[in-house]
Amino acid sequence: MSIKQLRAFHYVALAGGFSQAAREFATSQSTLSGQVGQLEASAGVSLFDRKPRGATVTSEGQALLELTTRLFTAEAEVRDFLRDEGGRSGGYLRVAADGPVLPLPILAGLRTARPRLRISLSIDNSDRVIDALMNYRADVGITARYPTDTRLHAQQFLIMNLGLCVPAEHDLAARPSITMKELTGRPFVLREKGSLTRETFEKNILQHGVDLGQVMEVSTREGVREAVSSGFGIGVVADREFGHDTRLRFVPISDASHTISEYAVCLAERKHLPLVRMFLLQANACGQAQPPLQQSPGEDDTGE
């Protein structure tokens, strides 16, 4: 077994076939095939199911892919560290988050401390954030769902309160706050089932015995924003995720006791890496520095 053979296997597994890997990684198909064949012969296992169009990893190949991903991720970290004169001012951090608003202040703080830091930010749902971490496609993540896998390290850095998202001209727009009971009969625009914001809101609805009016379901946060601004109903949003949109106003719900926690997450085995540790510390700092968003009568430049 050699590092070249492992790298050849890794390339083919990622690309899904020998010819695809040869094109993507600028090497010859025969070289890849020979090195993978030698690796399989020395190990006495079949790592790929060869097909007319591509190749898929076997169960043994999948297990090896998890190891080679860790190996070559560590190799890249070492290379970046050495190129950066000890990693003091740069580096490369891959971030996966379930929304764009919360990670940006954290990354801004890191960029201030490390001016040459390179950042990759991907936005997806909580399940895919966790999957990216588990498969070494992300170094750190932000998610509102606490991960149950013991291989992950998670720290709560923020608690968010629920409020309403209403058009600027809405009769509730100038209110400093509202109670759950006052929502009875009002039309709403909500995320589809599976949204943690909706799930938390429905816990408050059940607690207070509120019957909403007509509910329109929308699959994305952006879609909810547009539907609310177009007058289809009231939206629900966590205070720290409200953002900036002059068409909309935020109105706190004073007695919504069920809140949303946000977690900074990484693989437990990687929490001591310098950049990962810095991210976790910066997340805590950002969480403590930002007070919950409050609406005041006449406020005219707040939006989701």
Protein backbone atom coordinates (compact mmCIF):
# COMPACT_ATOMS: atom_id res chain seq x y z
CA MET A 1 0.00 0.00 0.00
CA SER A 2 1.27 3.48 -0.88
CA ILE A 3 -0.01 7.02 -0.58
CA LYS A 4 -0.25 7.17 -4.40
CA GLN A 5 -2.53 4.14 -4.42
CA LEU A 6 -4.70 5.64 -1.69
CA ARG A 7 -4.89 8.93 -3.55
CA ALA A 8 -5.88 7.15 -6.76
CA PHE A 9 -8.64 5.30 -4.91
CA HIS A 10 -9.80 8.57 -3.33
CA TYR A 11 -9.98 10.35 -6.69
CA VAL A 12 -11.99 7.57 -8.32
CA ALA A 13 -14.38 7.28 -5.36
CA LEU A 14 -15.07 11.02 -5.37
CA ALA A 15 -15.54 11.18 -9.14
CA GLY A 16 -17.68 8.05 -9.39
CA GLY A 17 -15.56 6.34 -12.04
CA PHE A 18 -12.08 5.95 -13.51
CA SER A 19 -12.59 8.01 -16.66
CA GLN A 20 -14.31 10.79 -14.73
CA ALA A 21 -11.49 10.88 -12.19
CA ALA A 22 -8.88 10.99 -14.95
CA ARG A 23 -10.57 14.05 -16.46
CA GLU A 24 -11.22 15.86 -13.19
CA PHE A 25 -7.80 15.29 -11.65
CA ALA A 26 -5.70 15.58 -14.82
CA THR A 27 -4.15 12.13 -14.82
CA SER A 28 -4.43 9.05 -17.00
CA GLN A 29 -7.15 6.46 -16.60
CA SER A 30 -4.62 3.63 -16.92
CA THR A 31 -2.54 5.06 -14.08
CA LEU A 32 -5.56 5.27 -11.80
CA SER A 33 -6.75 1.80 -12.75
CA GLY A 34 -3.31 0.29 -12.15
CA GLN A 35 -2.85 1.93 -8.76
CA VAL A 36 -6.33 1.00 -7.54
CA GLY A 37 -5.82 -2.55 -8.80
CA GLN A 38 -2.56 -2.81 -6.87
CA LEU A 39 -4.26 -1.51 -3.73
CA GLU A 40 -7.08 -4.05 -4.03
CA ALA A 41 -4.60 -6.87 -4.64
CA SER A 42 -2.47 -5.99 -1.62
CA ALA A 43 -5.52 -5.60 0.63
CA GLY A 44 -7.36 -8.63 -0.72
CA VAL A 45 -10.66 -6.74 -1.06
CA SER A 46 -12.72 -5.28 -3.88
CA LEU A 47 -13.10 -1.54 -3.44
CA PHE A 48 -15.26 -0.82 -6.51
CA ASP A 49 -18.11 -2.39 -8.42
CA ARG A 50 -17.04 -1.70 -12.01
CA LYS A 51 -19.86 -0.83 -14.39
CA PRO A 52 -20.02 0.12 -18.08
CA ARG A 53 -20.63 3.70 -17.01
CA GLY A 54 -18.64 4.54 -13.91
CA ALA A 55 -17.84 2.66 -10.73
CA THR A 56 -19.43 2.63 -7.27
CA VAL A 57 -17.63 1.92 -4.02
CA THR A 58 -18.31 -1.34 -2.22
CA SER A 59 -18.97 -1.41 1.52
CA GLU A 60 -15.22 -1.85 2.06
CA GLY A 61 -14.58 1.01 -0.32
CA GLN A 62 -17.00 3.26 1.57
CA ALA A 63 -15.22 2.54 4.84
CA LEU A 64 -11.87 3.29 3.22
CA LEU A 65 -13.23 6.51 1.68
CA GLU A 66 -14.09 7.83 5.13
CA LEU A 67 -10.48 7.21 6.20
CA THR A 68 -8.89 8.71 3.07
CA THR A 69 -11.13 11.77 3.40
CA ARG A 70 -9.73 12.33 6.87
CA LEU A 71 -6.20 11.64 5.63
CA PHE A 72 -6.24 14.09 2.72
CA THR A 73 -8.20 16.73 4.67
CA ALA A 74 -5.46 16.65 7.29
CA GLU A 75 -2.84 16.83 4.55
CA ALA A 76 -4.48 19.95 3.12
CA GLU A 77 -4.64 21.53 6.58
CA VAL A 78 -0.93 20.90 7.10
CA ARG A 79 -0.12 22.36 3.68
CA ASP A 80 -2.17 25.50 4.34
CA PHE A 81 -0.63 25.85 7.79
CA LEU A 82 2.93 25.70 6.47
CA ARG A 83 2.24 28.01 3.53
CA ASP A 84 0.89 30.62 5.90
CA GLU A 85 4.04 30.93 8.03
CA GLY A 86 2.51 28.95 10.85
CA GLY A 87 -1.11 29.70 10.06
CA ARG A 88 -1.19 32.98 11.99
CA SER A 89 -2.90 35.26 9.48
CA GLY A 90 -4.68 33.06 6.95
CA GLY A 91 -5.91 29.52 6.49
CA TYR A 92 -9.02 28.05 4.93
CA LEU A 93 -12.29 27.42 6.77
CA ARG A 94 -15.32 25.60 5.34
CA VAL A 95 -18.57 26.57 7.03
CA ALA A 96 -22.00 24.97 6.65
CA ALA A 97 -25.01 26.75 8.14
CA ASP A 98 -28.79 26.51 8.12
CA GLY A 99 -29.11 30.22 7.36
CA PRO A 100 -26.95 33.14 6.21
CA VAL A 101 -27.56 35.71 8.95
CA LEU A 102 -25.88 34.10 11.98
CA PRO A 103 -22.54 32.93 10.52
CA LEU A 104 -21.64 36.24 8.87
CA PRO A 105 -20.81 38.23 12.06
CA ILE A 106 -18.73 35.28 13.27
CA LEU A 107 -16.82 35.11 10.00
CA ALA A 108 -16.34 38.88 9.99
CA GLY A 109 -14.67 38.62 13.40
CA LEU A 110 -12.41 35.83 12.18
CA ARG A 111 -11.48 37.80 9.07
CA THR A 112 -10.47 40.74 11.27
CA ALA A 113 -8.17 38.46 13.28
CA ARG A 114 -6.88 36.67 10.18
CA PRO A 115 -6.90 39.07 7.22
CA ARG A 116 -5.87 36.39 4.73
CA LEU A 117 -8.39 33.81 5.88
CA ARG A 118 -10.17 32.08 2.99
CA ILE A 119 -13.78 31.14 3.68
CA SER A 120 -16.29 28.82 2.04
CA LEU A 121 -19.90 29.20 3.27
CA SER A 122 -22.67 26.82 2.22
CA ILE A 123 -26.32 27.29 3.25
CA ASP A 124 -28.57 24.25 3.59
CA ASN A 125 -31.00 22.59 5.97
CA SER A 126 -29.88 21.25 9.36
CA ASP A 127 -29.65 17.62 8.23
CA ARG A 128 -27.30 18.51 5.39
CA VAL A 129 -25.19 20.71 7.65
CA ILE A 130 -24.60 17.70 9.90
CA ASP A 131 -23.94 15.48 6.89
CA ALA A 132 -21.31 17.90 5.59
CA LEU A 133 -19.53 17.80 8.94
CA MET A 134 -19.68 14.02 9.24
CA ASN A 135 -18.28 13.57 5.72
CA TYR A 136 -15.52 16.16 6.11
CA ARG A 137 -17.00 18.56 3.57
CA ALA A 138 -17.23 21.26 6.24
CA ASP A 139 -15.00 22.14 9.18
CA VAL A 140 -17.66 23.84 11.31
CA GLY A 141 -21.41 24.26 11.18
CA ILE A 142 -24.25 26.33 12.60
CA THR A 143 -27.60 24.65 13.16
CA ALA A 144 -30.70 25.13 15.27
CA ARG A 145 -31.10 21.39 15.82
CA TYR A 146 -28.93 19.88 18.52
CA PRO A 147 -26.98 16.97 16.99
CA THR A 148 -27.40 13.62 18.73
CA ASP A 149 -24.38 11.89 17.19
CA THR A 150 -21.71 11.49 19.87
CA ARG A 151 -18.97 12.07 17.30
CA LEU A 152 -20.01 15.71 17.11
CA HIS A 153 -19.19 18.52 19.51
CA ALA A 154 -21.92 21.17 19.84
CA GLN A 155 -22.04 24.34 21.90
CA GLN A 156 -25.05 26.58 22.30
CA PHE A 157 -24.10 30.16 21.55
CA LEU A 158 -27.44 31.88 21.04
CA ILE A 159 -31.09 31.77 22.10
CA MET A 160 -33.56 33.43 19.75
CA ASN A 161 -37.07 34.66 20.52
CA LEU A 162 -39.95 34.48 18.09
CA GLY A 163 -41.69 37.49 16.61
CA LEU A 164 -43.92 38.47 13.73
CA CYS A 165 -42.82 39.58 10.29
CA VAL A 166 -45.41 42.03 8.93
CA PRO A 167 -45.58 44.50 6.03
CA ALA A 168 -44.50 48.04 6.94
CA GLU A 169 -48.04 49.33 6.40
CA HIS A 170 -49.69 46.54 8.47
CA ASP A 171 -51.88 47.52 11.45
CA LEU A 172 -49.45 45.68 13.76
CA ALA A 173 -46.29 47.23 12.35
CA ALA A 174 -46.01 50.01 14.95
CA ARG A 175 -46.80 47.79 17.94
CA PRO A 176 -43.94 47.36 20.47
CA SER A 177 -45.07 43.75 21.04
CA ILE A 178 -48.04 41.41 20.76
CA THR A 179 -49.38 38.43 22.70
CA MET A 180 -50.14 34.96 21.35
CA LYS A 181 -53.88 35.35 22.04
CA GLU A 182 -53.99 38.39 19.76
CA LEU A 183 -52.99 36.17 16.83
CA THR A 184 -56.31 34.31 16.86
CA GLY A 185 -58.00 34.31 13.47
CA ARG A 186 -55.22 36.15 11.64
CA PRO A 187 -53.93 34.76 8.32
CA PHE A 188 -50.34 33.48 8.33
CA VAL A 189 -47.58 32.59 5.91
CA LEU A 190 -45.51 29.73 7.37
CA ARG A 191 -42.66 27.55 6.28
CA GLU A 192 -43.60 24.01 5.35
CA LYS A 193 -43.60 21.24 7.97
CA GLY A 194 -40.07 20.43 9.09
CA SER A 195 -39.06 24.04 9.70
CA LEU A 196 -37.81 24.49 13.26
CA THR A 197 -39.23 28.02 13.38
CA ARG A 198 -42.67 26.68 12.51
CA GLU A 199 -42.27 23.77 14.94
CA THR A 200 -41.41 26.18 17.77
CA PHE A 201 -44.27 28.53 16.84
CA GLU A 202 -46.73 25.63 16.88
CA LYS A 203 -45.59 24.71 20.41
CA ASN A 204 -46.50 28.23 21.49
CA ILE A 205 -49.83 28.00 19.65
CA LEU A 206 -50.66 24.77 21.49
CA GLN A 207 -49.59 26.21 24.83
CA HIS A 208 -51.86 29.26 24.46
CA GLY A 209 -54.76 27.55 22.66
CA VAL A 210 -54.64 29.84 19.63
CA ASP A 211 -56.58 29.15 16.43
CA LEU A 212 -54.93 30.85 13.46
CA GLY A 213 -56.76 32.01 10.39
CA GLN A 214 -55.94 30.71 6.91
CA VAL A 215 -52.36 29.42 6.61
CA MET A 216 -50.32 29.60 3.42
CA GLU A 217 -47.30 27.25 3.31
CA VAL A 218 -44.08 28.33 1.53
CA SER A 219 -40.97 26.18 1.19
CA THR A 220 -38.22 28.80 1.67
CA ARG A 221 -37.47 31.76 3.92
CA GLU A 222 -37.20 34.00 0.88
CA GLY A 223 -40.62 32.82 -0.28
CA VAL A 224 -42.16 33.63 3.10
CA ARG A 225 -40.64 37.12 2.97
CA GLU A 226 -42.09 37.79 -0.49
CA ALA A 227 -45.52 36.38 0.39
CA VAL A 228 -45.70 38.49 3.56
CA SER A 229 -44.63 41.65 1.74
CA SER A 230 -47.33 40.92 -0.88
CA GLY A 231 -50.04 40.79 1.78
CA PHE A 232 -50.83 37.07 1.97
CA GLY A 233 -50.52 37.00 5.76
CA ILE A 234 -48.23 37.41 8.75
CA GLY A 235 -44.90 35.59 8.98
CA VAL A 236 -43.04 34.21 11.97
CA VAL A 237 -39.29 34.70 12.37
CA ALA A 238 -36.60 34.39 15.03
CA ASP A 239 -35.41 37.82 16.16
CA ARG A 240 -31.72 37.40 15.24
CA GLU A 241 -32.60 36.12 11.76
CA PHE A 242 -34.82 39.04 10.83
CA GLY A 243 -32.22 40.73 8.62
CA HIS A 244 -32.87 43.98 6.72
CA ASP A 245 -35.81 44.68 4.45
CA THR A 246 -37.47 48.11 4.53
CA ARG A 247 -40.72 46.56 3.30
CA LEU A 248 -41.13 44.60 6.55
CA ARG A 249 -41.27 45.13 10.32
CA PHE A 250 -40.51 42.89 13.28
CA VAL A 251 -42.97 42.69 16.18
CA PRO A 252 -41.88 40.66 19.26
CA ILE A 253 -44.32 38.11 20.70
CA SER A 254 -44.15 38.91 24.41
CA ASP A 255 -45.39 35.59 25.79
CA ALA A 256 -43.91 33.08 23.31
CA SER A 257 -41.97 31.09 25.90
CA HIS A 258 -40.72 28.41 23.49
CA THR A 259 -37.51 29.73 21.92
CA ILE A 260 -34.91 28.57 19.38
CA SER A 261 -31.34 27.68 20.31
CA GLU A 262 -28.47 27.89 17.85
CA TYR A 263 -25.41 25.67 18.07
CA ALA A 264 -21.89 25.89 16.70
CA VAL A 265 -20.93 22.34 15.74
CA CYS A 266 -17.83 20.45 14.64
CA LEU A 267 -16.44 16.94 14.78
CA ALA A 268 -15.27 16.27 18.33
CA GLU A 269 -11.92 15.05 17.03
CA ARG A 270 -11.33 18.43 15.33
CA LYS A 271 -12.48 20.89 17.98
CA HIS A 272 -8.89 21.60 19.03
CA LEU A 273 -7.74 22.65 15.56
CA PRO A 274 -6.77 26.35 15.66
CA LEU A 275 -9.33 27.64 13.15
CA VAL A 276 -12.13 25.47 14.51
CA ARG A 277 -11.37 26.60 18.05
CA MET A 278 -11.31 30.23 16.92
CA PHE A 279 -14.69 29.81 15.23
CA LEU A 280 -16.25 28.35 18.40
CA LEU A 281 -14.85 31.18 20.53
CA GLN A 282 -16.01 33.82 18.05
CA ALA A 283 -19.50 32.27 17.95
CA ASN A 284 -19.75 32.62 21.73
CA ALA A 285 -18.53 36.21 21.55
CA CYS A 286 -21.07 37.12 18.87
CA GLY A 287 -23.89 35.41 20.76
CA GLN A 288 -23.14 37.40 23.93
CA ALA A 289 -22.60 40.71 22.14
CA GLN A 290 -25.91 40.97 20.27
CA PRO A 291 -29.07 41.77 22.28
CA PRO A 292 -32.42 40.46 20.99
CA LEU A 293 -34.06 42.60 18.33
CA GLN A 294 -36.83 44.82 19.68
CA GLN A 295 -39.43 46.79 17.74
CA SER A 296 -40.39 50.26 18.86
CA PRO A 297 -43.35 52.34 17.65
CA GLY A 298 -42.48 54.26 14.52
CA GLU A 299 -39.28 52.34 13.81
CA ASP A 300 -38.77 52.62 10.07
CA ASP A 301 -35.72 50.69 8.95
CA THR A 302 -36.08 47.14 10.20
CA GLY A 303 -37.01 44.09 8.16
CA GLU A 304 -36.62 40.39 7.87
